[in-house]
Amino acid sequence: MESTRRAQLSKTVIITSTALLFAFAIAGSLIFAVFGITFSSFMVAGGVLLFIVAIELLTGGGWRFVGSGISEETGIVPLAFPLLAGPGAITAVIISFESTGLVVTLFSISIAIGITYLILKHAERLHRVIGKRGSLIVKRVFAILIAAIAIEYIVDGIRALF
């Protein structure tokens, strides 16, 4: 991907994940209540989405649920949600808001998003250091980790439901 397009996509990812986390930090419990969603069912749904992403990464497939290639929506699904602002992060910010307050929660989100932005900004340099083969290895290892996290979300959600 050319650097201009990558910068655009990174901006979309950062803005979207920040907005999602801020929104859920402030109004997450209310959003769940309005729609009648429990944390448990949210974790199962997010886990299923993450598992689909992991399978796509492992098999080298495209992002079937956003069409072919990299589009503006790729910055939203799967990068911003469920990878960066997934069920675990959303649950954590809701709990943080309820236990430590708005300022600490928003500050914590800002730090995490800032670090994520730096990583995305320097992704090309990281790619040059590890090379194409190294990138493929890292991609597959992280796909397995993402799959494991997805299974944990699903199992925890199902356990809490029943």
N, C-alpha and C. Protein backbone atom coordinates (compact mmCIF):
# COMPACT_ATOMS: atom_id res chain seq x y z
N MET A 1 0.85 -1.17 0.00
CA MET A 1 0.00 0.00 0.00
C MET A 1 0.90 1.24 0.00
N GLU A 2 0.57 2.21 -0.81
CA GLU A 2 1.38 3.43 -0.86
C GLU A 2 1.25 4.19 0.46
N SER A 3 2.26 5.00 0.76
CA SER A 3 2.33 5.64 2.07
C SER A 3 1.17 6.60 2.32
N THR A 4 0.70 7.30 1.30
CA THR A 4 -0.44 8.21 1.48
C THR A 4 -1.69 7.44 1.86
N ARG A 5 -1.93 6.35 1.17
CA ARG A 5 -3.12 5.52 1.46
C ARG A 5 -3.01 4.87 2.84
N ARG A 6 -1.80 4.43 3.19
CA ARG A 6 -1.57 3.82 4.50
C ARG A 6 -1.82 4.84 5.61
N ALA A 7 -1.35 6.08 5.42
CA ALA A 7 -1.56 7.14 6.41
C ALA A 7 -3.05 7.44 6.56
N GLN A 8 -3.77 7.44 5.44
CA GLN A 8 -5.21 7.67 5.46
C GLN A 8 -5.93 6.56 6.23
N LEU A 9 -5.55 5.32 5.95
CA LEU A 9 -6.15 4.18 6.63
C LEU A 9 -5.83 4.21 8.13
N SER A 10 -4.60 4.54 8.48
CA SER A 10 -4.21 4.64 9.89
C SER A 10 -5.04 5.71 10.60
N LYS A 11 -5.25 6.83 9.92
CA LYS A 11 -6.06 7.90 10.50
C LYS A 11 -7.49 7.42 10.76
N THR A 12 -8.06 6.70 9.80
CA THR A 12 -9.41 6.16 9.96
C THR A 12 -9.48 5.20 11.13
N VAL A 13 -8.48 4.33 11.23
CA VAL A 13 -8.42 3.35 12.32
C VAL A 13 -8.35 4.05 13.67
N ILE A 14 -7.46 5.02 13.79
CA ILE A 14 -7.27 5.73 15.05
C ILE A 14 -8.52 6.51 15.45
N ILE A 15 -9.08 7.25 14.51
CA ILE A 15 -10.27 8.06 14.82
C ILE A 15 -11.45 7.16 15.19
N THR A 16 -11.65 6.10 14.42
CA THR A 16 -12.78 5.20 14.68
C THR A 16 -12.65 4.48 16.01
N SER A 17 -11.48 3.92 16.28
CA SER A 17 -11.31 3.19 17.54
C SER A 17 -11.38 4.14 18.73
N THR A 18 -10.84 5.35 18.60
CA THR A 18 -10.92 6.33 19.69
C THR A 18 -12.38 6.71 19.95
N ALA A 19 -13.11 6.99 18.87
CA ALA A 19 -14.52 7.36 19.03
C ALA A 19 -15.32 6.23 19.67
N LEU A 20 -15.09 5.00 19.23
CA LEU A 20 -15.80 3.86 19.81
C LEU A 20 -15.49 3.71 21.30
N LEU A 21 -14.22 3.76 21.64
CA LEU A 21 -13.84 3.59 23.05
C LEU A 21 -14.36 4.73 23.92
N PHE A 22 -14.26 5.98 23.43
CA PHE A 22 -14.80 7.11 24.19
C PHE A 22 -16.32 6.96 24.37
N ALA A 23 -17.01 6.60 23.29
CA ALA A 23 -18.46 6.46 23.37
C ALA A 23 -18.87 5.38 24.36
N PHE A 24 -18.19 4.24 24.31
CA PHE A 24 -18.53 3.15 25.23
C PHE A 24 -18.08 3.44 26.65
N ALA A 25 -17.01 4.21 26.81
CA ALA A 25 -16.59 4.59 28.17
C ALA A 25 -17.67 5.44 28.82
N ILE A 26 -18.23 6.34 28.06
CA ILE A 26 -19.20 7.29 28.61
C ILE A 26 -20.60 6.70 28.67
N ALA A 27 -21.01 6.00 27.61
CA ALA A 27 -22.41 5.57 27.52
C ALA A 27 -22.57 4.08 27.28
N GLY A 28 -21.53 3.28 27.50
CA GLY A 28 -21.60 1.86 27.20
C GLY A 28 -22.69 1.11 27.91
N SER A 29 -22.80 1.32 29.20
CA SER A 29 -23.84 0.63 29.96
C SER A 29 -25.22 1.01 29.47
N LEU A 30 -25.39 2.29 29.14
CA LEU A 30 -26.68 2.76 28.63
C LEU A 30 -26.97 2.18 27.25
N ILE A 31 -25.96 2.12 26.39
CA ILE A 31 -26.13 1.55 25.04
C ILE A 31 -26.56 0.09 25.15
N PHE A 32 -25.90 -0.66 26.00
CA PHE A 32 -26.26 -2.07 26.17
C PHE A 32 -27.68 -2.20 26.71
N ALA A 33 -28.03 -1.35 27.67
CA ALA A 33 -29.37 -1.42 28.26
C ALA A 33 -30.46 -1.08 27.24
N VAL A 34 -30.23 -0.05 26.43
CA VAL A 34 -31.22 0.35 25.43
C VAL A 34 -31.49 -0.79 24.44
N PHE A 35 -30.43 -1.48 24.02
CA PHE A 35 -30.60 -2.56 23.06
C PHE A 35 -30.82 -3.92 23.71
N GLY A 36 -30.82 -3.98 25.03
CA GLY A 36 -31.04 -5.24 25.73
C GLY A 36 -29.91 -6.23 25.54
N ILE A 37 -28.69 -5.71 25.41
CA ILE A 37 -27.52 -6.55 25.18
C ILE A 37 -26.77 -6.74 26.50
N THR A 38 -26.37 -7.96 26.78
CA THR A 38 -25.55 -8.21 27.96
C THR A 38 -24.07 -8.21 27.55
N PHE A 39 -23.20 -7.98 28.52
CA PHE A 39 -21.76 -8.05 28.24
C PHE A 39 -21.41 -9.42 27.69
N SER A 40 -22.07 -10.43 28.20
CA SER A 40 -21.78 -11.80 27.77
C SER A 40 -22.08 -12.02 26.30
N SER A 41 -23.25 -11.58 25.85
CA SER A 41 -23.59 -11.77 24.44
C SER A 41 -22.70 -10.90 23.55
N PHE A 42 -22.31 -9.72 24.04
CA PHE A 42 -21.40 -8.86 23.29
C PHE A 42 -20.04 -9.54 23.14
N MET A 43 -19.59 -10.20 24.19
CA MET A 43 -18.30 -10.90 24.12
C MET A 43 -18.37 -12.06 23.14
N VAL A 44 -19.47 -12.79 23.11
CA VAL A 44 -19.61 -13.90 22.16
C VAL A 44 -19.59 -13.35 20.73
N ALA A 45 -20.37 -12.31 20.46
CA ALA A 45 -20.43 -11.73 19.12
C ALA A 45 -19.06 -11.19 18.69
N GLY A 46 -18.39 -10.47 19.58
CA GLY A 46 -17.06 -9.95 19.27
C GLY A 46 -16.05 -11.06 19.06
N GLY A 47 -16.18 -12.12 19.85
CA GLY A 47 -15.29 -13.27 19.70
C GLY A 47 -15.46 -13.95 18.35
N VAL A 48 -16.70 -14.07 17.90
CA VAL A 48 -16.96 -14.67 16.59
C VAL A 48 -16.33 -13.82 15.49
N LEU A 49 -16.51 -12.50 15.56
CA LEU A 49 -15.90 -11.61 14.56
C LEU A 49 -14.38 -11.73 14.58
N LEU A 50 -13.79 -11.74 15.77
CA LEU A 50 -12.33 -11.89 15.86
C LEU A 50 -11.87 -13.22 15.29
N PHE A 51 -12.64 -14.26 15.53
CA PHE A 51 -12.25 -15.57 15.02
C PHE A 51 -12.28 -15.59 13.50
N ILE A 52 -13.26 -14.93 12.90
CA ILE A 52 -13.33 -14.82 11.44
C ILE A 52 -12.09 -14.10 10.92
N VAL A 53 -11.70 -13.03 11.58
CA VAL A 53 -10.50 -12.28 11.19
C VAL A 53 -9.28 -13.19 11.28
N ALA A 54 -9.17 -13.94 12.36
CA ALA A 54 -8.02 -14.84 12.54
C ALA A 54 -7.96 -15.89 11.44
N ILE A 55 -9.09 -16.46 11.08
CA ILE A 55 -9.12 -17.46 10.01
C ILE A 55 -8.68 -16.83 8.69
N GLU A 56 -9.16 -15.63 8.42
CA GLU A 56 -8.77 -14.94 7.19
C GLU A 56 -7.26 -14.70 7.17
N LEU A 57 -6.69 -14.31 8.30
CA LEU A 57 -5.25 -14.07 8.37
C LEU A 57 -4.46 -15.37 8.20
N LEU A 58 -4.94 -16.44 8.80
CA LEU A 58 -4.26 -17.72 8.71
C LEU A 58 -4.30 -18.32 7.32
N THR A 59 -5.42 -18.14 6.64
CA THR A 59 -5.56 -18.75 5.32
C THR A 59 -5.11 -17.83 4.20
N GLY A 60 -4.76 -16.61 4.53
CA GLY A 60 -4.32 -15.66 3.51
C GLY A 60 -5.46 -15.13 2.68
N GLY A 61 -6.69 -15.31 3.15
CA GLY A 61 -7.86 -14.83 2.41
C GLY A 61 -8.03 -13.34 2.53
N GLY A 62 -8.84 -12.79 1.68
CA GLY A 62 -9.17 -11.37 1.74
C GLY A 62 -10.21 -11.12 2.80
N TRP A 63 -10.51 -9.88 3.04
CA TRP A 63 -11.54 -9.53 4.02
C TRP A 63 -12.89 -9.69 3.34
N ARG A 64 -13.42 -10.90 3.44
CA ARG A 64 -14.66 -11.23 2.74
C ARG A 64 -15.81 -10.30 3.13
N PHE A 65 -15.88 -9.92 4.41
CA PHE A 65 -17.03 -9.15 4.83
C PHE A 65 -16.90 -7.66 4.54
N VAL A 66 -15.82 -7.21 3.88
CA VAL A 66 -15.74 -5.81 3.46
C VAL A 66 -15.45 -5.71 1.97
N GLY A 67 -15.57 -6.78 1.26
CA GLY A 67 -15.33 -6.74 -0.17
C GLY A 67 -13.88 -7.07 -0.47
N SER A 68 -13.50 -6.91 -1.72
CA SER A 68 -12.15 -7.26 -2.11
C SER A 68 -11.24 -6.06 -1.97
N GLY A 69 -10.00 -6.32 -1.63
CA GLY A 69 -9.01 -5.26 -1.51
C GLY A 69 -9.16 -4.49 -0.22
N ILE A 70 -8.38 -3.41 -0.13
CA ILE A 70 -8.39 -2.58 1.06
C ILE A 70 -9.21 -1.34 0.75
N SER A 71 -10.25 -1.12 1.53
CA SER A 71 -11.13 0.01 1.32
C SER A 71 -11.20 0.85 2.58
N GLU A 72 -11.96 1.92 2.52
CA GLU A 72 -12.15 2.79 3.68
C GLU A 72 -12.76 2.00 4.83
N GLU A 73 -13.65 1.03 4.51
CA GLU A 73 -14.28 0.24 5.56
C GLU A 73 -13.28 -0.67 6.28
N THR A 74 -12.17 -0.98 5.62
CA THR A 74 -11.16 -1.82 6.25
C THR A 74 -10.63 -1.14 7.51
N GLY A 75 -10.61 0.18 7.51
CA GLY A 75 -10.19 0.92 8.70
C GLY A 75 -11.17 0.78 9.84
N ILE A 76 -12.41 0.46 9.50
CA ILE A 76 -13.43 0.31 10.54
C ILE A 76 -13.56 -1.16 10.94
N VAL A 77 -13.81 -2.02 9.95
CA VAL A 77 -13.91 -3.47 10.20
C VAL A 77 -12.88 -4.14 9.31
N PRO A 78 -11.96 -4.85 9.80
CA PRO A 78 -11.80 -5.37 11.14
C PRO A 78 -10.78 -4.63 12.00
N LEU A 79 -10.12 -3.59 11.47
CA LEU A 79 -9.03 -2.98 12.23
C LEU A 79 -9.50 -2.23 13.47
N ALA A 80 -10.38 -1.23 13.31
CA ALA A 80 -10.84 -0.48 14.47
C ALA A 80 -11.71 -1.35 15.38
N PHE A 81 -12.64 -2.06 14.76
CA PHE A 81 -13.47 -3.01 15.49
C PHE A 81 -13.56 -4.28 14.68
N PRO A 82 -13.25 -5.42 15.19
CA PRO A 82 -13.07 -5.77 16.59
C PRO A 82 -11.61 -5.85 17.06
N LEU A 83 -10.61 -5.51 16.20
CA LEU A 83 -9.23 -5.69 16.64
C LEU A 83 -8.80 -4.70 17.71
N LEU A 84 -8.93 -3.40 17.46
CA LEU A 84 -8.47 -2.42 18.44
C LEU A 84 -9.51 -2.10 19.51
N ALA A 85 -10.71 -1.85 19.10
CA ALA A 85 -11.78 -1.53 20.04
C ALA A 85 -12.75 -2.70 20.08
N GLY A 86 -12.26 -3.83 20.51
CA GLY A 86 -13.07 -5.04 20.56
C GLY A 86 -13.79 -5.20 21.88
N PRO A 87 -14.39 -6.36 22.08
CA PRO A 87 -15.17 -6.60 23.31
C PRO A 87 -14.36 -6.42 24.59
N GLY A 88 -13.12 -6.88 24.58
CA GLY A 88 -12.29 -6.75 25.77
C GLY A 88 -12.01 -5.30 26.11
N ALA A 89 -11.63 -4.52 25.09
CA ALA A 89 -11.33 -3.10 25.30
C ALA A 89 -12.59 -2.33 25.71
N ILE A 90 -13.69 -2.61 25.05
CA ILE A 90 -14.94 -1.91 25.38
C ILE A 90 -15.39 -2.24 26.80
N THR A 91 -15.33 -3.50 27.16
CA THR A 91 -15.69 -3.90 28.53
C THR A 91 -14.76 -3.23 29.53
N ALA A 92 -13.46 -3.20 29.21
CA ALA A 92 -12.48 -2.57 30.12
C ALA A 92 -12.76 -1.08 30.32
N VAL A 93 -13.11 -0.37 29.25
CA VAL A 93 -13.36 1.06 29.41
C VAL A 93 -14.66 1.33 30.17
N ILE A 94 -15.66 0.48 29.99
CA ILE A 94 -16.90 0.65 30.75
C ILE A 94 -16.63 0.43 32.24
N ILE A 95 -15.89 -0.62 32.55
CA ILE A 95 -15.55 -0.90 33.94
C ILE A 95 -14.66 0.20 34.51
N SER A 96 -13.69 0.66 33.73
CA SER A 96 -12.81 1.74 34.17
C SER A 96 -13.61 3.00 34.47
N PHE A 97 -14.54 3.34 33.61
CA PHE A 97 -15.37 4.53 33.83
C PHE A 97 -16.16 4.41 35.12
N GLU A 98 -16.74 3.24 35.33
CA GLU A 98 -17.56 3.05 36.52
C GLU A 98 -16.74 3.00 37.80
N SER A 99 -15.47 2.57 37.71
CA SER A 99 -14.66 2.44 38.92
C SER A 99 -13.69 3.60 39.16
N THR A 100 -13.17 4.22 38.09
CA THR A 100 -12.17 5.29 38.29
C THR A 100 -12.62 6.66 37.80
N GLY A 101 -13.69 6.72 37.04
CA GLY A 101 -14.20 8.01 36.57
C GLY A 101 -13.78 8.34 35.15
N LEU A 102 -14.34 9.43 34.67
CA LEU A 102 -14.18 9.82 33.28
C LEU A 102 -12.75 10.24 32.94
N VAL A 103 -12.13 11.05 33.76
CA VAL A 103 -10.81 11.59 33.43
C VAL A 103 -9.76 10.49 33.29
N VAL A 104 -9.70 9.58 34.24
CA VAL A 104 -8.73 8.49 34.20
C VAL A 104 -8.99 7.59 33.00
N THR A 105 -10.24 7.29 32.74
CA THR A 105 -10.59 6.42 31.62
C THR A 105 -10.21 7.04 30.28
N LEU A 106 -10.57 8.30 30.07
CA LEU A 106 -10.24 8.96 28.81
C LEU A 106 -8.73 9.13 28.66
N PHE A 107 -8.03 9.40 29.74
CA PHE A 107 -6.57 9.51 29.70
C PHE A 107 -5.94 8.17 29.32
N SER A 108 -6.44 7.09 29.90
CA SER A 108 -5.93 5.74 29.58
C SER A 108 -6.16 5.39 28.12
N ILE A 109 -7.35 5.69 27.62
CA ILE A 109 -7.65 5.44 26.22
C ILE A 109 -6.70 6.23 25.33
N SER A 110 -6.48 7.50 25.69
CA SER A 110 -5.61 8.37 24.90
C SER A 110 -4.18 7.83 24.83
N ILE A 111 -3.67 7.33 25.94
CA ILE A 111 -2.32 6.76 25.95
C ILE A 111 -2.25 5.53 25.05
N ALA A 112 -3.21 4.63 25.19
CA ALA A 112 -3.22 3.41 24.37
C ALA A 112 -3.35 3.74 22.88
N ILE A 113 -4.21 4.67 22.55
CA ILE A 113 -4.39 5.06 21.15
C ILE A 113 -3.15 5.76 20.63
N GLY A 114 -2.49 6.57 21.46
CA GLY A 114 -1.25 7.23 21.05
C GLY A 114 -0.16 6.23 20.70
N ILE A 115 -0.02 5.21 21.51
CA ILE A 115 0.98 4.17 21.25
C ILE A 115 0.62 3.41 19.96
N THR A 116 -0.67 3.12 19.79
CA THR A 116 -1.12 2.45 18.57
C THR A 116 -0.82 3.29 17.34
N TYR A 117 -1.06 4.60 17.44
CA TYR A 117 -0.77 5.49 16.32
C TYR A 117 0.71 5.45 15.96
N LEU A 118 1.58 5.49 16.96
CA LEU A 118 3.03 5.44 16.70
C LEU A 118 3.42 4.14 16.00
N ILE A 119 2.84 3.05 16.42
CA ILE A 119 3.13 1.76 15.78
C ILE A 119 2.66 1.76 14.33
N LEU A 120 1.45 2.25 14.10
CA LEU A 120 0.94 2.30 12.73
C LEU A 120 1.76 3.25 11.86
N LYS A 121 2.17 4.36 12.44
CA LYS A 121 2.96 5.34 11.69
C LYS A 121 4.30 4.77 11.25
N HIS A 122 4.88 3.92 12.08
CA HIS A 122 6.20 3.36 11.78
C HIS A 122 6.13 1.93 11.26
N ALA A 123 4.97 1.50 10.81
CA ALA A 123 4.79 0.13 10.32
C ALA A 123 5.68 -0.18 9.13
N GLU A 124 5.87 0.78 8.25
CA GLU A 124 6.71 0.55 7.08
C GLU A 124 8.16 0.26 7.49
N ARG A 125 8.65 1.01 8.47
CA ARG A 125 10.01 0.77 8.97
C ARG A 125 10.11 -0.61 9.59
N LEU A 126 9.11 -0.97 10.38
CA LEU A 126 9.10 -2.30 10.99
C LEU A 126 9.10 -3.37 9.92
N HIS A 127 8.32 -3.15 8.86
CA HIS A 127 8.24 -4.12 7.77
C HIS A 127 9.59 -4.25 7.07
N ARG A 128 10.28 -3.14 6.88
CA ARG A 128 11.60 -3.20 6.24
C ARG A 128 12.59 -3.98 7.08
N VAL A 129 12.50 -3.85 8.39
CA VAL A 129 13.42 -4.55 9.28
C VAL A 129 13.18 -6.06 9.26
N ILE A 130 11.93 -6.47 9.33
CA ILE A 130 11.67 -7.91 9.41
C ILE A 130 11.48 -8.56 8.05
N GLY A 131 11.23 -7.76 7.01
CA GLY A 131 11.12 -8.30 5.66
C GLY A 131 9.79 -8.97 5.39
N LYS A 132 9.65 -9.43 4.14
CA LYS A 132 8.40 -10.05 3.70
C LYS A 132 8.14 -11.37 4.43
N ARG A 133 9.17 -12.19 4.51
CA ARG A 133 9.02 -13.49 5.18
C ARG A 133 8.73 -13.30 6.67
N GLY A 134 9.45 -12.38 7.29
CA GLY A 134 9.22 -12.08 8.70
C GLY A 134 7.82 -11.57 8.94
N SER A 135 7.33 -10.73 8.03
CA SER A 135 5.96 -10.21 8.14
C SER A 135 4.94 -11.34 8.07
N LEU A 136 5.18 -12.27 7.16
CA LEU A 136 4.27 -13.41 7.03
C LEU A 136 4.26 -14.25 8.31
N ILE A 137 5.43 -14.47 8.88
CA ILE A 137 5.51 -15.24 10.13
C ILE A 137 4.79 -14.51 11.25
N VAL A 138 5.05 -13.21 11.39
CA VAL A 138 4.40 -12.41 12.43
C VAL A 138 2.89 -12.42 12.23
N LYS A 139 2.45 -12.28 10.99
CA LYS A 139 1.03 -12.28 10.66
C LYS A 139 0.37 -13.58 11.12
N ARG A 140 1.01 -14.69 10.81
CA ARG A 140 0.42 -15.99 11.15
C ARG A 140 0.45 -16.24 12.66
N VAL A 141 1.53 -15.85 13.32
CA VAL A 141 1.60 -16.02 14.78
C VAL A 141 0.53 -15.18 15.46
N PHE A 142 0.39 -13.93 15.02
CA PHE A 142 -0.63 -13.09 15.62
C PHE A 142 -2.04 -13.57 15.27
N ALA A 143 -2.21 -14.18 14.13
CA ALA A 143 -3.50 -14.75 13.78
C ALA A 143 -3.89 -15.84 14.77
N ILE A 144 -2.93 -16.65 15.15
CA ILE A 144 -3.20 -17.70 16.14
C ILE A 144 -3.53 -17.09 17.49
N LEU A 145 -2.78 -16.04 17.87
CA LEU A 145 -3.08 -15.35 19.13
C LEU A 145 -4.47 -14.71 19.09
N ILE A 146 -4.81 -14.10 17.97
CA ILE A 146 -6.14 -13.50 17.82
C ILE A 146 -7.21 -14.58 17.92
N ALA A 147 -6.98 -15.73 17.31
CA ALA A 147 -7.94 -16.83 17.40
C ALA A 147 -8.10 -17.28 18.85
N ALA A 148 -7.00 -17.37 19.58
CA ALA A 148 -7.07 -17.77 20.99
C ALA A 148 -7.84 -16.74 21.82
N ILE A 149 -7.59 -15.48 21.56
CA ILE A 149 -8.32 -14.42 22.28
C ILE A 149 -9.81 -14.51 21.93
N ALA A 150 -10.11 -14.75 20.67
CA ALA A 150 -11.50 -14.89 20.24
C ALA A 150 -12.19 -16.03 20.96
N ILE A 151 -11.51 -17.15 21.06
CA ILE A 151 -12.09 -18.30 21.76
C ILE A 151 -12.32 -17.97 23.23
N GLU A 152 -11.38 -17.26 23.84
CA GLU A 152 -11.55 -16.85 25.24
C GLU A 152 -12.80 -15.97 25.40
N TYR A 153 -12.98 -15.00 24.48
CA TYR A 153 -14.17 -14.16 24.54
C TYR A 153 -15.44 -15.01 24.42
N ILE A 154 -15.43 -15.93 23.47
CA ILE A 154 -16.61 -16.77 23.25
C ILE A 154 -16.88 -17.64 24.47
N VAL A 155 -15.85 -18.30 24.98
CA VAL A 155 -16.02 -19.18 26.14
C VAL A 155 -16.46 -18.39 27.37
N ASP A 156 -15.82 -17.26 27.64
CA ASP A 156 -16.20 -16.44 28.79
C ASP A 156 -17.64 -15.93 28.65
N GLY A 157 -17.98 -15.51 27.43
CA GLY A 157 -19.35 -15.04 27.20
C GLY A 157 -20.38 -16.13 27.40
N ILE A 158 -20.10 -17.31 26.85
CA ILE A 158 -21.05 -18.44 27.01
C ILE A 158 -21.14 -18.87 28.47
N ARG A 159 -19.99 -18.92 29.13
CA ARG A 159 -19.99 -19.30 30.54
C ARG A 159 -20.84 -18.34 31.36
N ALA A 160 -20.73 -17.04 31.08
CA ALA A 160 -21.51 -16.05 31.83
C ALA A 160 -23.00 -16.10 31.46
N LEU A 161 -23.30 -16.48 30.22
CA LEU A 161 -24.71 -16.59 29.81
C LEU A 161 -25.42 -17.74 30.50
N PHE A 162 -24.68 -18.82 30.73
CA PHE A 162 -25.30 -20.02 31.30
C PHE A 162 -24.72 -20.25 32.65
